Amino acid sequence: MKPLGLWTLPNAITWYRVAAAVPIILLLVNGSNAALWAALGLMVIAEVSDGVDGWVARRTGQVSAVGKILDPMADSLYRVSVFTAFAANRWMPVWMLIVMAAREIAQAHLRIVAESHIGTMAARWSGKIKAAAQGLSQLGITFLFAFYAGAPPESLIFFTWLLLFVTTALSVWSFFDYVWLIYSARSARKAVQFSKQP
């Protein structure tokens, strides 16, 4: 893998999600219909960037260890920021925000631990499913509130909370899937070391 710097094109695309977090929060909390639609537009671009940065990195030969670390960190910061705005708007329970934020913080620590056992931790299907669920819930709920000018019917409010509950559950599941990956790799390494002992 090439020792690329921080400011490559794929990393610049990744940085968009970090930069977009603040204006999206402000627009969501503003609450006006125009602000909600503007926030949704920025969020759509952020979701697109999440797939484009990796594609550009592979096509241009700019895959780097920095990018592999920066991408999930940008995702975590961006998504927790959006969910924070959701909680501030009372679109989701605070406990769900706490669980998701704690999951992202723990995941960041897990990546550091993984470096000493399995190297840079690559994305797993559980993480991709979690990201898809979070992206779908954020875009879908923002669209719903924008479409109904901030006041969707009660039946749809129940649906949004159900969607967020499923998203929270998937977030927790994906974290423990990574924990199992590291535990398995560590156990396998210990077994190999033990077998080599005279």
C-alpha atoms as a PDB file:
ATOM      1  CA  MET A   1       0.000   0.000   0.000  1.00  0.00           C
ATOM      2  CA  LYS A   2       1.355   3.404  -0.985  1.00  0.00           C
ATOM      3  CA  PRO A   3       2.309   5.811   1.836  1.00  0.00           C
ATOM      4  CA  LEU A   4      -0.120   8.483   0.662  1.00  0.00           C
ATOM      5  CA  GLY A   5      -0.687  11.757   2.464  1.00  0.00           C
ATOM      6  CA  LEU A   6      -3.784  13.065   4.168  1.00  0.00           C
ATOM      7  CA  TRP A   7      -4.969  15.318   1.345  1.00  0.00           C
ATOM      8  CA  THR A   8      -5.681  12.899  -1.465  1.00  0.00           C
ATOM      9  CA  LEU A   9      -8.838  13.210  -3.561  1.00  0.00           C
ATOM     10  CA  PRO A  10     -10.610  10.297  -1.797  1.00  0.00           C
ATOM     11  CA  ASN A  11      -9.745  11.759   1.600  1.00  0.00           C
ATOM     12  CA  ALA A  12     -10.980  15.200   0.502  1.00  0.00           C
ATOM     13  CA  ILE A  13     -14.321  13.593  -0.394  1.00  0.00           C
ATOM     14  CA  THR A  14     -14.361  11.913   3.013  1.00  0.00           C
ATOM     15  CA  TRP A  15     -13.686  15.262   4.715  1.00  0.00           C
ATOM     16  CA  TYR A  16     -16.933  16.580   3.210  1.00  0.00           C
ATOM     17  CA  ARG A  17     -18.920  14.510   5.722  1.00  0.00           C
ATOM     18  CA  VAL A  18     -17.004  16.107   8.579  1.00  0.00           C
ATOM     19  CA  ALA A  19     -17.461  19.622   7.179  1.00  0.00           C
ATOM     20  CA  ALA A  20     -21.148  19.054   6.423  1.00  0.00           C
ATOM     21  CA  ALA A  21     -22.009  17.950   9.960  1.00  0.00           C
ATOM     22  CA  VAL A  22     -22.251  21.462  11.456  1.00  0.00           C
ATOM     23  CA  PRO A  23     -24.461  23.088   8.784  1.00  0.00           C
ATOM     24  CA  ILE A  24     -26.705  20.009   8.758  1.00  0.00           C
ATOM     25  CA  ILE A  25     -27.169  20.232  12.529  1.00  0.00           C
ATOM     26  CA  LEU A  26     -27.975  23.942  12.309  1.00  0.00           C
ATOM     27  CA  LEU A  27     -30.450  23.419   9.480  1.00  0.00           C
ATOM     28  CA  LEU A  28     -32.207  20.518  11.212  1.00  0.00           C
ATOM     29  CA  VAL A  29     -32.504  22.380  14.503  1.00  0.00           C
ATOM     30  CA  ASN A  30     -33.721  25.508  12.668  1.00  0.00           C
ATOM     31  CA  GLY A  31     -36.844  23.524  11.875  1.00  0.00           C
ATOM     32  CA  SER A  32     -38.211  25.623   9.033  1.00  0.00           C
ATOM     33  CA  ASN A  33     -39.408  23.725   6.009  1.00  0.00           C
ATOM     34  CA  ALA A  34     -36.783  25.319   3.742  1.00  0.00           C
ATOM     35  CA  ALA A  35     -34.057  24.461   6.260  1.00  0.00           C
ATOM     36  CA  LEU A  36     -35.176  20.820   6.419  1.00  0.00           C
ATOM     37  CA  TRP A  37     -35.076  20.466   2.640  1.00  0.00           C
ATOM     38  CA  ALA A  38     -31.632  22.110   2.543  1.00  0.00           C
ATOM     39  CA  ALA A  39     -30.401  19.738   5.254  1.00  0.00           C
ATOM     40  CA  LEU A  40     -31.768  16.802   3.282  1.00  0.00           C
ATOM     41  CA  GLY A  41     -29.858  17.926   0.199  1.00  0.00           C
ATOM     42  CA  LEU A  42     -26.576  18.094   2.120  1.00  0.00           C
ATOM     43  CA  MET A  43     -27.312  14.702   3.679  1.00  0.00           C
ATOM     44  CA  VAL A  44     -27.892  13.078   0.290  1.00  0.00           C
ATOM     45  CA  ILE A  45     -24.500  14.388  -0.867  1.00  0.00           C
ATOM     46  CA  ALA A  46     -22.921  13.033   2.329  1.00  0.00           C
ATOM     47  CA  GLU A  47     -24.393   9.574   1.722  1.00  0.00           C
ATOM     48  CA  VAL A  48     -23.175   9.598  -1.876  1.00  0.00           C
ATOM     49  CA  SER A  49     -19.706  10.655  -0.738  1.00  0.00           C
ATOM     50  CA  ASP A  50     -19.570   7.661   1.592  1.00  0.00           C
ATOM     51  CA  GLY A  51     -19.503   5.354  -1.427  1.00  0.00           C
ATOM     52  CA  VAL A  52     -17.663   7.593  -3.854  1.00  0.00           C
ATOM     53  CA  ASP A  53     -14.533   8.088  -1.733  1.00  0.00           C
ATOM     54  CA  GLY A  54     -13.750   4.368  -1.629  1.00  0.00           C
ATOM     55  CA  TRP A  55     -14.517   3.947  -5.327  1.00  0.00           C
ATOM     56  CA  VAL A  56     -12.233   6.849  -6.266  1.00  0.00           C
ATOM     57  CA  ALA A  57      -9.475   5.506  -4.015  1.00  0.00           C
ATOM     58  CA  ARG A  58      -9.566   2.110  -5.728  1.00  0.00           C
ATOM     59  CA  ARG A  59      -9.829   3.494  -9.266  1.00  0.00           C
ATOM     60  CA  THR A  60      -6.958   5.953  -8.808  1.00  0.00           C
ATOM     61  CA  GLY A  61      -4.708   3.698  -6.757  1.00  0.00           C
ATOM     62  CA  GLN A  62      -4.967   5.989  -3.728  1.00  0.00           C
ATOM     63  CA  VAL A  63      -6.070   3.417  -1.170  1.00  0.00           C
ATOM     64  CA  SER A  64      -4.154   4.231   2.016  1.00  0.00           C
ATOM     65  CA  ALA A  65      -4.011   3.344   5.691  1.00  0.00           C
ATOM     66  CA  VAL A  66      -4.930   6.963   6.448  1.00  0.00           C
ATOM     67  CA  GLY A  67      -8.056   6.670   4.321  1.00  0.00           C
ATOM     68  CA  LYS A  68      -9.075   3.406   5.958  1.00  0.00           C
ATOM     69  CA  ILE A  69      -8.935   5.096   9.348  1.00  0.00           C
ATOM     70  CA  LEU A  70     -10.325   8.477   8.285  1.00  0.00           C
ATOM     71  CA  ASP A  71     -13.382   7.078   6.474  1.00  0.00           C
ATOM     72  CA  PRO A  72     -15.009   5.316   9.465  1.00  0.00           C
ATOM     73  CA  MET A  73     -14.079   8.225  11.769  1.00  0.00           C
ATOM     74  CA  ALA A  74     -15.787  10.698   9.409  1.00  0.00           C
ATOM     75  CA  ASP A  75     -18.820   8.402   9.202  1.00  0.00           C
ATOM     76  CA  SER A  76     -19.071   8.192  12.990  1.00  0.00           C
ATOM     77  CA  LEU A  77     -18.752  11.941  13.519  1.00  0.00           C
ATOM     78  CA  TYR A  78     -21.245  12.735  10.773  1.00  0.00           C
ATOM     79  CA  ARG A  79     -23.902  10.224  11.803  1.00  0.00           C
ATOM     80  CA  VAL A  80     -23.707  10.985  15.523  1.00  0.00           C
ATOM     81  CA  SER A  81     -24.012  14.686  14.671  1.00  0.00           C
ATOM     82  CA  VAL A  82     -27.198  14.081  12.680  1.00  0.00           C
ATOM     83  CA  PHE A  83     -28.666  11.893  15.411  1.00  0.00           C
ATOM     84  CA  THR A  84     -27.817  14.608  17.951  1.00  0.00           C
ATOM     85  CA  ALA A  85     -29.949  17.024  15.938  1.00  0.00           C
ATOM     86  CA  PHE A  86     -32.700  14.392  15.813  1.00  0.00           C
ATOM     87  CA  ALA A  87     -32.636  14.104  19.609  1.00  0.00           C
ATOM     88  CA  ALA A  88     -32.635  17.897  19.982  1.00  0.00           C
ATOM     89  CA  ASN A  89     -35.740  18.014  17.766  1.00  0.00           C
ATOM     90  CA  ARG A  90     -37.295  15.149  19.778  1.00  0.00           C
ATOM     91  CA  TRP A  91     -37.432  13.024  16.657  1.00  0.00           C
ATOM     92  CA  MET A  92     -35.741  10.205  18.559  1.00  0.00           C
ATOM     93  CA  PRO A  93     -35.303   9.212  22.226  1.00  0.00           C
ATOM     94  CA  VAL A  94     -32.157  10.444  23.913  1.00  0.00           C
ATOM     95  CA  TRP A  95     -31.277   6.929  25.059  1.00  0.00           C
ATOM     96  CA  MET A  96     -30.933   5.821  21.429  1.00  0.00           C
ATOM     97  CA  LEU A  97     -28.514   8.693  20.788  1.00  0.00           C
ATOM     98  CA  ILE A  98     -26.483   7.686  23.845  1.00  0.00           C
ATOM     99  CA  VAL A  99     -26.308   4.055  22.714  1.00  0.00           C
ATOM    100  CA  MET A 100     -25.232   4.983  19.182  1.00  0.00           C
ATOM    101  CA  ALA A 101     -22.677   7.542  20.370  1.00  0.00           C
ATOM    102  CA  ALA A 102     -21.249   5.071  22.893  1.00  0.00           C
ATOM    103  CA  ARG A 103     -21.048   2.458  20.147  1.00  0.00           C
ATOM    104  CA  GLU A 104     -19.044   4.782  17.878  1.00  0.00           C
ATOM    105  CA  ILE A 105     -16.651   5.776  20.681  1.00  0.00           C
ATOM    106  CA  ALA A 106     -16.133   2.136  21.650  1.00  0.00           C
ATOM    107  CA  GLN A 107     -15.650   1.217  17.992  1.00  0.00           C
ATOM    108  CA  ALA A 108     -12.907   3.832  17.634  1.00  0.00           C
ATOM    109  CA  HIS A 109     -11.118   2.291  20.620  1.00  0.00           C
ATOM    110  CA  LEU A 110     -11.671  -1.153  19.128  1.00  0.00           C
ATOM    111  CA  ARG A 111      -9.885  -0.106  15.950  1.00  0.00           C
ATOM    112  CA  ILE A 112      -6.839   0.878  18.002  1.00  0.00           C
ATOM    113  CA  VAL A 113      -6.869  -2.526  19.731  1.00  0.00           C
ATOM    114  CA  ALA A 114      -7.289  -4.262  16.384  1.00  0.00           C
ATOM    115  CA  GLU A 115      -4.091  -2.695  15.033  1.00  0.00           C
ATOM    116  CA  SER A 116      -2.024  -4.896  17.341  1.00  0.00           C
ATOM    117  CA  HIS A 117      -3.910  -8.098  16.539  1.00  0.00           C
ATOM    118  CA  ILE A 118      -5.217  -8.086  12.951  1.00  0.00           C
ATOM    119  CA  GLY A 119      -3.835  -4.845  11.486  1.00  0.00           C
ATOM    120  CA  THR A 120      -6.060  -2.097  10.101  1.00  0.00           C
ATOM    121  CA  MET A 121      -9.617  -3.300  10.618  1.00  0.00           C
ATOM    122  CA  ALA A 122     -11.401  -3.536   7.281  1.00  0.00           C
ATOM    123  CA  ALA A 123     -15.127  -2.984   6.896  1.00  0.00           C
ATOM    124  CA  ARG A 124     -17.349  -5.999   7.586  1.00  0.00           C
ATOM    125  CA  TRP A 125     -20.813  -6.736   6.312  1.00  0.00           C
ATOM    126  CA  SER A 126     -22.246  -6.006   9.753  1.00  0.00           C
ATOM    127  CA  GLY A 127     -20.712  -2.524   9.604  1.00  0.00           C
ATOM    128  CA  LYS A 128     -22.036  -1.964   6.084  1.00  0.00           C
ATOM    129  CA  ILE A 129     -25.539  -3.055   7.126  1.00  0.00           C
ATOM    130  CA  LYS A 130     -25.345  -0.737  10.131  1.00  0.00           C
ATOM    131  CA  ALA A 131     -24.241   2.171   7.947  1.00  0.00           C
ATOM    132  CA  ALA A 132     -27.030   1.487   5.447  1.00  0.00           C
ATOM    133  CA  ALA A 133     -29.617   1.367   8.230  1.00  0.00           C
ATOM    134  CA  GLN A 134     -28.363   4.616   9.747  1.00  0.00           C
ATOM    135  CA  GLY A 135     -28.271   6.354   6.372  1.00  0.00           C
ATOM    136  CA  LEU A 136     -31.756   5.125   5.476  1.00  0.00           C
ATOM    137  CA  SER A 137     -33.235   6.206   8.799  1.00  0.00           C
ATOM    138  CA  GLN A 138     -31.597   9.642   8.673  1.00  0.00           C
ATOM    139  CA  LEU A 139     -32.627  10.383   5.096  1.00  0.00           C
ATOM    140  CA  GLY A 140     -36.072   8.848   5.452  1.00  0.00           C
ATOM    141  CA  ILE A 141     -36.970  10.636   8.671  1.00  0.00           C
ATOM    142  CA  THR A 142     -35.637  13.985   7.476  1.00  0.00           C
ATOM    143  CA  PHE A 143     -37.620  13.618   4.244  1.00  0.00           C
ATOM    144  CA  LEU A 144     -40.734  12.746   6.237  1.00  0.00           C
ATOM    145  CA  PHE A 145     -40.513  15.839   8.433  1.00  0.00           C
ATOM    146  CA  ALA A 146     -39.678  18.048   5.456  1.00  0.00           C
ATOM    147  CA  PHE A 147     -42.579  16.629   3.406  1.00  0.00           C
ATOM    148  CA  TYR A 148     -45.061  17.243   6.217  1.00  0.00           C
ATOM    149  CA  ALA A 149     -43.548  20.639   7.122  1.00  0.00           C
ATOM    150  CA  GLY A 150     -42.295  19.376  10.469  1.00  0.00           C
ATOM    151  CA  ALA A 151     -45.538  17.742  11.609  1.00  0.00           C
ATOM    152  CA  PRO A 152     -46.037  14.213  10.197  1.00  0.00           C
ATOM    153  CA  PRO A 153     -49.067  12.143  11.324  1.00  0.00           C
ATOM    154  CA  GLU A 154     -48.798  10.221  14.608  1.00  0.00           C
ATOM    155  CA  SER A 155     -48.895   6.889  12.754  1.00  0.00           C
ATOM    156  CA  LEU A 156     -45.756   7.870  10.861  1.00  0.00           C
ATOM    157  CA  ILE A 157     -44.082   9.115  14.037  1.00  0.00           C
ATOM    158  CA  PHE A 158     -44.466   5.587  15.433  1.00  0.00           C
ATOM    159  CA  PHE A 159     -42.887   4.220  12.241  1.00  0.00           C
ATOM    160  CA  THR A 160     -39.875   6.535  12.594  1.00  0.00           C
ATOM    161  CA  TRP A 161     -39.269   5.418  16.170  1.00  0.00           C
ATOM    162  CA  LEU A 162     -39.550   1.775  15.098  1.00  0.00           C
ATOM    163  CA  LEU A 163     -37.029   2.408  12.321  1.00  0.00           C
ATOM    164  CA  LEU A 164     -34.674   4.076  14.781  1.00  0.00           C
ATOM    165  CA  PHE A 165     -35.052   1.197  17.248  1.00  0.00           C
ATOM    166  CA  VAL A 166     -34.060  -1.318  14.546  1.00  0.00           C
ATOM    167  CA  THR A 167     -31.143   0.941  13.549  1.00  0.00           C
ATOM    168  CA  THR A 168     -29.962   1.118  17.157  1.00  0.00           C
ATOM    169  CA  ALA A 169     -30.144  -2.665  17.489  1.00  0.00           C
ATOM    170  CA  LEU A 170     -28.137  -3.144  14.281  1.00  0.00           C
ATOM    171  CA  SER A 171     -25.530  -0.655  15.530  1.00  0.00           C
ATOM    172  CA  VAL A 172     -25.037  -2.663  18.733  1.00  0.00           C
ATOM    173  CA  TRP A 173     -24.943  -5.953  16.806  1.00  0.00           C
ATOM    174  CA  SER A 174     -22.285  -4.669  14.403  1.00  0.00           C
ATOM    175  CA  PHE A 175     -20.092  -3.592  17.319  1.00  0.00           C
ATOM    176  CA  PHE A 176     -20.161  -7.042  18.914  1.00  0.00           C
ATOM    177  CA  ASP A 177     -19.461  -8.590  15.522  1.00  0.00           C
ATOM    178  CA  TYR A 178     -16.191  -6.617  15.435  1.00  0.00           C
ATOM    179  CA  VAL A 179     -15.456  -7.629  19.029  1.00  0.00           C
ATOM    180  CA  TRP A 180     -15.847 -11.271  18.021  1.00  0.00           C
ATOM    181  CA  LEU A 181     -13.580 -10.756  15.028  1.00  0.00           C
ATOM    182  CA  ILE A 182     -10.770  -9.402  17.195  1.00  0.00           C
ATOM    183  CA  TYR A 183     -11.288 -12.033  19.887  1.00  0.00           C
ATOM    184  CA  SER A 184     -11.137 -14.815  17.286  1.00  0.00           C
ATOM    185  CA  ALA A 185      -8.000 -13.366  15.685  1.00  0.00           C
ATOM    186  CA  ARG A 186      -6.316 -12.987  19.067  1.00  0.00           C
ATOM    187  CA  SER A 187      -7.228 -16.542  20.106  1.00  0.00           C
ATOM    188  CA  ALA A 188      -5.941 -17.916  16.800  1.00  0.00           C
ATOM    189  CA  ARG A 189      -2.642 -16.071  17.233  1.00  0.00           C
ATOM    190  CA  LYS A 190      -2.216 -17.424  20.750  1.00  0.00           C
ATOM    191  CA  ALA A 191      -2.936 -20.945  19.514  1.00  0.00           C
ATOM    192  CA  VAL A 192      -0.284 -20.636  16.803  1.00  0.00           C
ATOM    193  CA  GLN A 193       2.260 -19.277  19.278  1.00  0.00           C
ATOM    194  CA  PHE A 194       1.501 -22.097  21.712  1.00  0.00           C
ATOM    195  CA  SER A 195       1.898 -24.735  18.981  1.00  0.00           C
ATOM    196  CA  LYS A 196       5.338 -23.361  18.102  1.00  0.00           C
ATOM    197  CA  GLN A 197       6.628 -23.671  21.636  1.00  0.00           C
ATOM    198  CA  PRO A 198       9.107 -26.542  22.125  1.00  0.00           C
END
